[in-house]
């Protein structure tokens, strides 16, 4: 933050990048942070916080076991030993995990917001450039960030796929997008492929227009990073 504090061209800060909050649309992925926390032991602050939350919501371990379809002897066992919920989540299990994930996300975004506003109140907090996210993490971001940010590597931004942003009351900026082609000496087209430079230019304009036409989005940044392998980054081909 200190590097950009006096830069008149700097409107705000992205803090962190593409943190994995889970995978919306996949049930276990959506609650991955909660499931991972439950698999830990008593030395984990997150596990301690999750067990405290559960104890506030249930009058006894028997009530918890009935709600979660589990067989835990007492609260201490739940805290100290790795716990793996029944694969067929009950609605109570889902609800408790949603509350935990939202609580964790709220603490994360609130902590950064408070620090930025204390030391540099004139700049905006632009979020963490979501790539893997859940409804709970997005809602928490909207509560504390001035602008929400997503990295969206797709041919265009389809409004129907992003309608969940419409009622959150925050503008959205795209932190990264691109499209590539291999007819110009590159050995990999990157994350979004086009057949040639003419198609690449058309794809670029189509993407930007799809952002312009969505009233929630306020801008998009084309990804340019020179120091990457021409053949594409291992794993996903980014170049």
C-alpha atoms as a PDB file:
ATOM      1  CA  UNK A   1       0.000   0.000   0.000  1.00  0.00           C
ATOM      2  CA  UNK A   2       2.811   2.430   0.823  1.00  0.00           C
ATOM      3  CA  UNK A   3       4.135   2.143  -2.741  1.00  0.00           C
ATOM      4  CA  UNK A   4       0.934   3.594  -4.218  1.00  0.00           C
ATOM      5  CA  UNK A   5      -0.327   5.829  -1.417  1.00  0.00           C
ATOM      6  CA  UNK A   6       0.689   9.074  -3.144  1.00  0.00           C
ATOM      7  CA  UNK A   7       0.109   7.932  -6.731  1.00  0.00           C
ATOM      8  CA  UNK A   8      -2.674  10.106  -8.207  1.00  0.00           C
ATOM      9  CA  UNK A   9      -3.465   7.397 -10.773  1.00  0.00           C
ATOM     10  CA  UNK A  10      -4.072   4.713  -8.159  1.00  0.00           C
ATOM     11  CA  UNK A  11      -7.784   4.466  -7.365  1.00  0.00           C
ATOM     12  CA  UNK A  12      -7.604   1.548  -4.981  1.00  0.00           C
ATOM     13  CA  UNK A  13      -6.061  -1.750  -3.973  1.00  0.00           C
ATOM     14  CA  UNK A  14      -6.611  -5.374  -4.822  1.00  0.00           C
ATOM     15  CA  UNK A  15      -5.512  -7.365  -1.760  1.00  0.00           C
ATOM     16  CA  UNK A  16      -4.514 -10.995  -2.419  1.00  0.00           C
ATOM     17  CA  UNK A  17      -5.352 -12.697  -5.690  1.00  0.00           C
ATOM     18  CA  UNK A  18      -7.571 -15.640  -6.629  1.00  0.00           C
ATOM     19  CA  UNK A  19      -7.912 -17.040  -3.123  1.00  0.00           C
ATOM     20  CA  UNK A  20      -9.867 -20.274  -3.292  1.00  0.00           C
ATOM     21  CA  UNK A  21     -13.085 -19.864  -1.320  1.00  0.00           C
ATOM     22  CA  UNK A  22     -14.588 -23.030  -2.767  1.00  0.00           C
ATOM     23  CA  UNK A  23     -16.487 -24.080  -5.860  1.00  0.00           C
ATOM     24  CA  UNK A  24     -20.047 -22.887  -6.254  1.00  0.00           C
ATOM     25  CA  UNK A  25     -22.202 -25.569  -7.872  1.00  0.00           C
ATOM     26  CA  UNK A  26     -20.310 -28.469  -6.266  1.00  0.00           C
ATOM     27  CA  UNK A  27     -21.648 -29.196  -2.794  1.00  0.00           C
ATOM     28  CA  UNK A  28     -18.459 -30.437  -1.187  1.00  0.00           C
ATOM     29  CA  UNK A  29     -16.518 -27.719  -2.968  1.00  0.00           C
ATOM     30  CA  UNK A  30     -18.892 -25.057  -1.706  1.00  0.00           C
ATOM     31  CA  UNK A  31     -18.257 -26.101   1.891  1.00  0.00           C
ATOM     32  CA  UNK A  32     -14.605 -27.006   1.416  1.00  0.00           C
ATOM     33  CA  UNK A  33     -13.318 -24.479   3.961  1.00  0.00           C
ATOM     34  CA  UNK A  34     -15.723 -25.816   6.569  1.00  0.00           C
ATOM     35  CA  UNK A  35     -14.924 -29.450   5.812  1.00  0.00           C
ATOM     36  CA  UNK A  36     -11.199 -28.751   5.883  1.00  0.00           C
ATOM     37  CA  UNK A  37     -11.521 -26.992   9.226  1.00  0.00           C
ATOM     38  CA  UNK A  38     -13.462 -29.871  10.754  1.00  0.00           C
ATOM     39  CA  UNK A  39     -10.711 -32.286   9.702  1.00  0.00           C
ATOM     40  CA  UNK A  40      -8.198 -30.450  11.896  1.00  0.00           C
ATOM     41  CA  UNK A  41      -7.423 -30.726  15.603  1.00  0.00           C
ATOM     42  CA  UNK A  42      -7.655 -28.555  18.684  1.00  0.00           C
ATOM     43  CA  UNK A  43      -4.527 -26.526  17.869  1.00  0.00           C
ATOM     44  CA  UNK A  44      -6.316 -24.911  14.911  1.00  0.00           C
ATOM     45  CA  UNK A  45      -7.859 -21.519  15.746  1.00  0.00           C
ATOM     46  CA  UNK A  46     -10.362 -22.084  12.938  1.00  0.00           C
ATOM     47  CA  UNK A  47     -11.419 -25.432  14.422  1.00  0.00           C
ATOM     48  CA  UNK A  48     -11.806 -23.804  17.826  1.00  0.00           C
ATOM     49  CA  UNK A  49     -13.983 -21.076  16.327  1.00  0.00           C
ATOM     50  CA  UNK A  50     -16.119 -23.588  14.397  1.00  0.00           C
ATOM     51  CA  UNK A  51     -16.743 -25.728  17.477  1.00  0.00           C
ATOM     52  CA  UNK A  52     -17.630 -22.612  19.476  1.00  0.00           C
ATOM     53  CA  UNK A  53     -20.110 -21.658  16.771  1.00  0.00           C
ATOM     54  CA  UNK A  54     -21.664 -25.135  16.798  1.00  0.00           C
ATOM     55  CA  UNK A  55     -21.965 -25.105  20.584  1.00  0.00           C
ATOM     56  CA  UNK A  56     -23.856 -21.823  20.380  1.00  0.00           C
ATOM     57  CA  UNK A  57     -26.336 -23.365  17.962  1.00  0.00           C
ATOM     58  CA  UNK A  58     -27.012 -26.642  19.801  1.00  0.00           C
ATOM     59  CA  UNK A  59     -28.006 -27.152  23.415  1.00  0.00           C
ATOM     60  CA  UNK A  60     -26.228 -30.515  23.725  1.00  0.00           C
ATOM     61  CA  UNK A  61     -23.984 -32.917  21.848  1.00  0.00           C
ATOM     62  CA  UNK A  62     -27.008 -35.190  21.416  1.00  0.00           C
ATOM     63  CA  UNK A  63     -28.898 -32.433  19.629  1.00  0.00           C
ATOM     64  CA  UNK A  64     -25.864 -31.839  17.408  1.00  0.00           C
ATOM     65  CA  UNK A  65     -25.550 -35.550  16.589  1.00  0.00           C
ATOM     66  CA  UNK A  66     -29.217 -35.745  15.659  1.00  0.00           C
ATOM     67  CA  UNK A  67     -28.923 -32.719  13.383  1.00  0.00           C
ATOM     68  CA  UNK A  68     -25.686 -33.825  11.697  1.00  0.00           C
ATOM     69  CA  UNK A  69     -26.327 -37.604  11.662  1.00  0.00           C
ATOM     70  CA  UNK A  70     -23.113 -38.084  13.644  1.00  0.00           C
ATOM     71  CA  UNK A  71     -21.876 -40.057  16.665  1.00  0.00           C
ATOM     72  CA  UNK A  72     -19.584 -37.731  18.595  1.00  0.00           C
ATOM     73  CA  UNK A  73     -19.157 -38.566  22.287  1.00  0.00           C
ATOM     74  CA  UNK A  74     -18.763 -34.975  23.527  1.00  0.00           C
ATOM     75  CA  UNK A  75     -17.682 -31.474  22.542  1.00  0.00           C
ATOM     76  CA  UNK A  76     -14.080 -32.200  23.445  1.00  0.00           C
ATOM     77  CA  UNK A  77     -13.897 -35.077  20.991  1.00  0.00           C
ATOM     78  CA  UNK A  78     -15.371 -32.886  18.284  1.00  0.00           C
ATOM     79  CA  UNK A  79     -12.658 -30.316  18.958  1.00  0.00           C
ATOM     80  CA  UNK A  80      -9.651 -32.574  19.356  1.00  0.00           C
ATOM     81  CA  UNK A  81     -10.217 -35.236  16.715  1.00  0.00           C
ATOM     82  CA  UNK A  82     -10.565 -34.863  12.940  1.00  0.00           C
ATOM     83  CA  UNK A  83     -14.280 -34.890  12.157  1.00  0.00           C
ATOM     84  CA  UNK A  84     -15.728 -35.941   8.797  1.00  0.00           C
ATOM     85  CA  UNK A  85     -19.483 -35.375   8.400  1.00  0.00           C
ATOM     86  CA  UNK A  86     -21.795 -37.909   6.846  1.00  0.00           C
ATOM     87  CA  UNK A  87     -21.448 -37.740   3.072  1.00  0.00           C
ATOM     88  CA  UNK A  88     -25.183 -37.061   2.714  1.00  0.00           C
ATOM     89  CA  UNK A  89     -25.326 -33.625   4.299  1.00  0.00           C
ATOM     90  CA  UNK A  90     -28.427 -32.834   6.314  1.00  0.00           C
ATOM     91  CA  UNK A  91     -29.950 -29.389   5.893  1.00  0.00           C
ATOM     92  CA  UNK A  92     -28.685 -28.511   9.380  1.00  0.00           C
ATOM     93  CA  UNK A  93     -25.168 -29.512   8.338  1.00  0.00           C
ATOM     94  CA  UNK A  94     -25.362 -27.316   5.260  1.00  0.00           C
ATOM     95  CA  UNK A  95     -26.714 -24.389   7.247  1.00  0.00           C
ATOM     96  CA  UNK A  96     -24.021 -24.600   9.922  1.00  0.00           C
ATOM     97  CA  UNK A  97     -21.266 -24.836   7.322  1.00  0.00           C
ATOM     98  CA  UNK A  98     -22.696 -21.873   5.405  1.00  0.00           C
ATOM     99  CA  UNK A  99     -22.666 -19.802   8.588  1.00  0.00           C
ATOM    100  CA  UNK A 100     -19.043 -20.749   9.289  1.00  0.00           C
ATOM    101  CA  UNK A 101     -17.823 -19.975   5.770  1.00  0.00           C
ATOM    102  CA  UNK A 102     -19.648 -16.637   5.760  1.00  0.00           C
ATOM    103  CA  UNK A 103     -18.241 -15.795   9.206  1.00  0.00           C
ATOM    104  CA  UNK A 104     -14.710 -16.624   8.047  1.00  0.00           C
ATOM    105  CA  UNK A 105     -15.086 -14.564   4.875  1.00  0.00           C
ATOM    106  CA  UNK A 106     -16.546 -11.619   6.786  1.00  0.00           C
ATOM    107  CA  UNK A 107     -13.605 -11.641   9.198  1.00  0.00           C
ATOM    108  CA  UNK A 108     -11.131 -11.715   6.298  1.00  0.00           C
ATOM    109  CA  UNK A 109     -12.670  -8.849   4.316  1.00  0.00           C
ATOM    110  CA  UNK A 110     -13.457  -6.760   7.393  1.00  0.00           C
ATOM    111  CA  UNK A 111      -9.902  -7.048   8.763  1.00  0.00           C
ATOM    112  CA  UNK A 112      -8.368  -5.827   5.502  1.00  0.00           C
ATOM    113  CA  UNK A 113     -10.991  -3.093   5.042  1.00  0.00           C
ATOM    114  CA  UNK A 114     -10.367  -1.733   8.534  1.00  0.00           C
ATOM    115  CA  UNK A 115      -6.575  -1.667   8.022  1.00  0.00           C
ATOM    116  CA  UNK A 116      -6.813   0.042   4.616  1.00  0.00           C
ATOM    117  CA  UNK A 117      -9.292   2.665   5.797  1.00  0.00           C
ATOM    118  CA  UNK A 118      -7.139   3.403   8.851  1.00  0.00           C
ATOM    119  CA  UNK A 119      -3.862   3.935   7.005  1.00  0.00           C
ATOM    120  CA  UNK A 120      -5.054   5.055   3.561  1.00  0.00           C
ATOM    121  CA  UNK A 121      -8.676   6.222   3.727  1.00  0.00           C
ATOM    122  CA  UNK A 122      -8.646   7.996   0.337  1.00  0.00           C
ATOM    123  CA  UNK A 123      -8.325   4.833  -1.729  1.00  0.00           C
ATOM    124  CA  UNK A 124     -10.851   2.148  -2.554  1.00  0.00           C
ATOM    125  CA  UNK A 125     -10.765  -1.485  -1.454  1.00  0.00           C
ATOM    126  CA  UNK A 126     -11.212  -3.522  -4.640  1.00  0.00           C
ATOM    127  CA  UNK A 127     -11.498  -7.004  -3.152  1.00  0.00           C
ATOM    128  CA  UNK A 128      -9.308 -10.015  -3.896  1.00  0.00           C
ATOM    129  CA  UNK A 129      -9.973 -10.792  -7.574  1.00  0.00           C
ATOM    130  CA  UNK A 130     -12.212 -13.836  -7.204  1.00  0.00           C
ATOM    131  CA  UNK A 131     -11.559 -16.882  -9.351  1.00  0.00           C
ATOM    132  CA  UNK A 132     -13.012 -19.651  -7.133  1.00  0.00           C
ATOM    133  CA  UNK A 133     -15.830 -18.411  -4.963  1.00  0.00           C
ATOM    134  CA  UNK A 134     -19.068 -19.258  -3.201  1.00  0.00           C
ATOM    135  CA  UNK A 135     -22.187 -17.204  -2.568  1.00  0.00           C
ATOM    136  CA  UNK A 136     -21.133 -16.804   1.059  1.00  0.00           C
ATOM    137  CA  UNK A 137     -17.721 -15.367   0.196  1.00  0.00           C
ATOM    138  CA  UNK A 138     -19.143 -13.038  -2.456  1.00  0.00           C
ATOM    139  CA  UNK A 139     -21.794 -11.706  -0.069  1.00  0.00           C
ATOM    140  CA  UNK A 140     -19.143 -11.065   2.574  1.00  0.00           C
ATOM    141  CA  UNK A 141     -16.997  -9.216   0.045  1.00  0.00           C
ATOM    142  CA  UNK A 142     -19.937  -7.019  -0.961  1.00  0.00           C
ATOM    143  CA  UNK A 143     -20.479  -6.106   2.666  1.00  0.00           C
ATOM    144  CA  UNK A 144     -16.973  -4.708   3.220  1.00  0.00           C
ATOM    145  CA  UNK A 145     -15.382  -3.866  -0.157  1.00  0.00           C
ATOM    146  CA  UNK A 146     -15.949  -0.674  -2.131  1.00  0.00           C
ATOM    147  CA  UNK A 147     -15.689  -2.548  -5.422  1.00  0.00           C
ATOM    148  CA  UNK A 148     -15.837  -6.292  -6.053  1.00  0.00           C
ATOM    149  CA  UNK A 149     -13.358  -7.914  -8.433  1.00  0.00           C
ATOM    150  CA  UNK A 150     -13.345 -11.115 -10.484  1.00  0.00           C
ATOM    151  CA  UNK A 151     -10.838 -12.609 -12.920  1.00  0.00           C
ATOM    152  CA  UNK A 152     -12.988 -13.919 -15.763  1.00  0.00           C
ATOM    153  CA  UNK A 153     -11.285 -15.933 -18.499  1.00  0.00           C
ATOM    154  CA  UNK A 154     -14.200 -16.612 -20.844  1.00  0.00           C
ATOM    155  CA  UNK A 155     -15.110 -15.580 -24.387  1.00  0.00           C
ATOM    156  CA  UNK A 156     -17.589 -13.023 -22.979  1.00  0.00           C
ATOM    157  CA  UNK A 157     -19.396 -12.099 -19.782  1.00  0.00           C
ATOM    158  CA  UNK A 158     -22.887 -13.532 -20.045  1.00  0.00           C
ATOM    159  CA  UNK A 159     -25.327 -11.556 -17.907  1.00  0.00           C
ATOM    160  CA  UNK A 160     -27.371 -14.645 -17.062  1.00  0.00           C
ATOM    161  CA  UNK A 161     -24.345 -16.240 -15.409  1.00  0.00           C
ATOM    162  CA  UNK A 162     -23.661 -13.173 -13.253  1.00  0.00           C
ATOM    163  CA  UNK A 163     -27.153 -12.166 -12.155  1.00  0.00           C
ATOM    164  CA  UNK A 164     -26.294 -13.039  -8.567  1.00  0.00           C
ATOM    165  CA  UNK A 165     -24.304  -9.768  -8.501  1.00  0.00           C
ATOM    166  CA  UNK A 166     -27.252  -7.574  -9.459  1.00  0.00           C
ATOM    167  CA  UNK A 167     -28.668  -7.033  -5.973  1.00  0.00           C
ATOM    168  CA  UNK A 168     -25.487  -6.857  -3.903  1.00  0.00           C
ATOM    169  CA  UNK A 169     -25.170  -3.088  -4.194  1.00  0.00           C
ATOM    170  CA  UNK A 170     -21.539  -2.984  -5.312  1.00  0.00           C
ATOM    171  CA  UNK A 171     -19.852  -2.202  -8.645  1.00  0.00           C
ATOM    172  CA  UNK A 172     -17.730  -4.997 -10.098  1.00  0.00           C
ATOM    173  CA  UNK A 173     -14.418  -4.766 -11.936  1.00  0.00           C
ATOM    174  CA  UNK A 174     -12.700  -7.540 -13.896  1.00  0.00           C
ATOM    175  CA  UNK A 175      -9.093  -7.923 -12.801  1.00  0.00           C
ATOM    176  CA  UNK A 176      -7.965 -10.177 -15.642  1.00  0.00           C
ATOM    177  CA  UNK A 177      -9.155 -11.394 -19.029  1.00  0.00           C
ATOM    178  CA  UNK A 178      -7.455 -12.240 -22.312  1.00  0.00           C
ATOM    179  CA  UNK A 179      -7.636 -14.219 -25.534  1.00  0.00           C
ATOM    180  CA  UNK A 180      -4.743 -15.593 -27.555  1.00  0.00           C
ATOM    181  CA  UNK A 181      -3.828 -17.108 -30.922  1.00  0.00           C
ATOM    182  CA  UNK A 182      -0.829 -19.045 -32.236  1.00  0.00           C
ATOM    183  CA  UNK A 183      -0.466 -17.446 -35.683  1.00  0.00           C
ATOM    184  CA  UNK A 184       1.857 -14.721 -34.380  1.00  0.00           C
ATOM    185  CA  UNK A 185       4.812 -16.754 -33.147  1.00  0.00           C
ATOM    186  CA  UNK A 186       3.393 -17.845 -29.789  1.00  0.00           C
ATOM    187  CA  UNK A 187       3.441 -21.562 -29.000  1.00  0.00           C
ATOM    188  CA  UNK A 188       0.297 -21.573 -26.865  1.00  0.00           C
ATOM    189  CA  UNK A 189      -2.857 -19.499 -27.067  1.00  0.00           C
ATOM    190  CA  UNK A 190      -3.309 -19.214 -23.311  1.00  0.00           C
ATOM    191  CA  UNK A 191      -6.548 -19.701 -21.400  1.00  0.00           C
ATOM    192  CA  UNK A 192      -8.982 -18.471 -24.078  1.00  0.00           C
ATOM    193  CA  UNK A 193      -8.109 -19.620 -27.602  1.00  0.00           C
ATOM    194  CA  UNK A 194      -8.887 -17.992 -30.933  1.00  0.00           C
ATOM    195  CA  UNK A 195      -7.760 -19.224 -34.388  1.00  0.00           C
ATOM    196  CA  UNK A 196      -5.919 -16.063 -35.531  1.00  0.00           C
ATOM    197  CA  UNK A 197      -5.350 -12.369 -34.857  1.00  0.00           C
ATOM    198  CA  UNK A 198      -8.462 -11.269 -36.719  1.00  0.00           C
ATOM    199  CA  UNK A 199     -10.626 -13.556 -34.610  1.00  0.00           C
ATOM    200  CA  UNK A 200      -8.698 -12.490 -31.525  1.00  0.00           C
ATOM    201  CA  UNK A 201      -9.507  -8.825 -32.140  1.00  0.00           C
ATOM    202  CA  UNK A 202     -13.169  -9.656 -32.690  1.00  0.00           C
ATOM    203  CA  UNK A 203     -13.200 -11.723 -29.518  1.00  0.00           C
ATOM    204  CA  UNK A 204     -11.627  -8.847 -27.600  1.00  0.00           C
ATOM    205  CA  UNK A 205     -14.291  -6.405 -28.767  1.00  0.00           C
ATOM    206  CA  UNK A 206     -17.076  -8.896 -28.058  1.00  0.00           C
ATOM    207  CA  UNK A 207     -15.789  -9.369 -24.493  1.00  0.00           C
ATOM    208  CA  UNK A 208     -15.433  -5.661 -23.750  1.00  0.00           C
ATOM    209  CA  UNK A 209     -18.878  -4.918 -25.153  1.00  0.00           C
ATOM    210  CA  UNK A 210     -20.403  -7.650 -22.987  1.00  0.00           C
ATOM    211  CA  UNK A 211     -18.850  -5.943 -19.954  1.00  0.00           C
ATOM    212  CA  UNK A 212     -20.032  -2.511 -21.095  1.00  0.00           C
ATOM    213  CA  UNK A 213     -23.591  -3.788 -21.548  1.00  0.00           C
ATOM    214  CA  UNK A 214     -23.805  -5.204 -18.018  1.00  0.00           C
ATOM    215  CA  UNK A 215     -24.680  -2.343 -15.627  1.00  0.00           C
ATOM    216  CA  UNK A 216     -22.997  -4.031 -12.653  1.00  0.00           C
ATOM    217  CA  UNK A 217     -19.533  -4.067 -14.256  1.00  0.00           C
ATOM    218  CA  UNK A 218     -17.506  -0.856 -14.366  1.00  0.00           C
ATOM    219  CA  UNK A 219     -14.380  -2.008 -16.216  1.00  0.00           C
ATOM    220  CA  UNK A 220     -12.018  -4.795 -17.209  1.00  0.00           C
ATOM    221  CA  UNK A 221      -8.237  -5.243 -17.290  1.00  0.00           C
ATOM    222  CA  UNK A 222      -6.562  -7.142 -20.113  1.00  0.00           C
ATOM    223  CA  UNK A 223      -3.915  -9.481 -18.682  1.00  0.00           C
ATOM    224  CA  UNK A 224      -0.378  -8.770 -19.920  1.00  0.00           C
ATOM    225  CA  UNK A 225       2.559 -10.407 -18.186  1.00  0.00           C
ATOM    226  CA  UNK A 226       5.824 -10.729 -20.099  1.00  0.00           C
ATOM    227  CA  UNK A 227       7.784 -13.193 -18.013  1.00  0.00           C
ATOM    228  CA  UNK A 228       5.894 -16.423 -18.739  1.00  0.00           C
ATOM    229  CA  UNK A 229       6.766 -19.494 -20.847  1.00  0.00           C
ATOM    230  CA  UNK A 230       5.968 -19.149 -24.559  1.00  0.00           C
ATOM    231  CA  UNK A 231       4.677 -22.705 -24.464  1.00  0.00           C
ATOM    232  CA  UNK A 232       2.304 -21.868 -21.622  1.00  0.00           C
ATOM    233  CA  UNK A 233       2.522 -22.170 -17.871  1.00  0.00           C
ATOM    234  CA  UNK A 234       2.501 -25.774 -16.606  1.00  0.00           C
ATOM    235  CA  UNK A 235      -0.937 -26.843 -15.478  1.00  0.00           C
ATOM    236  CA  UNK A 236      -3.165 -24.463 -17.377  1.00  0.00           C
ATOM    237  CA  UNK A 237      -1.177 -22.987 -20.284  1.00  0.00           C
ATOM    238  CA  UNK A 238      -1.325 -19.354 -19.170  1.00  0.00           C
ATOM    239  CA  UNK A 239       1.145 -17.244 -21.175  1.00  0.00           C
END
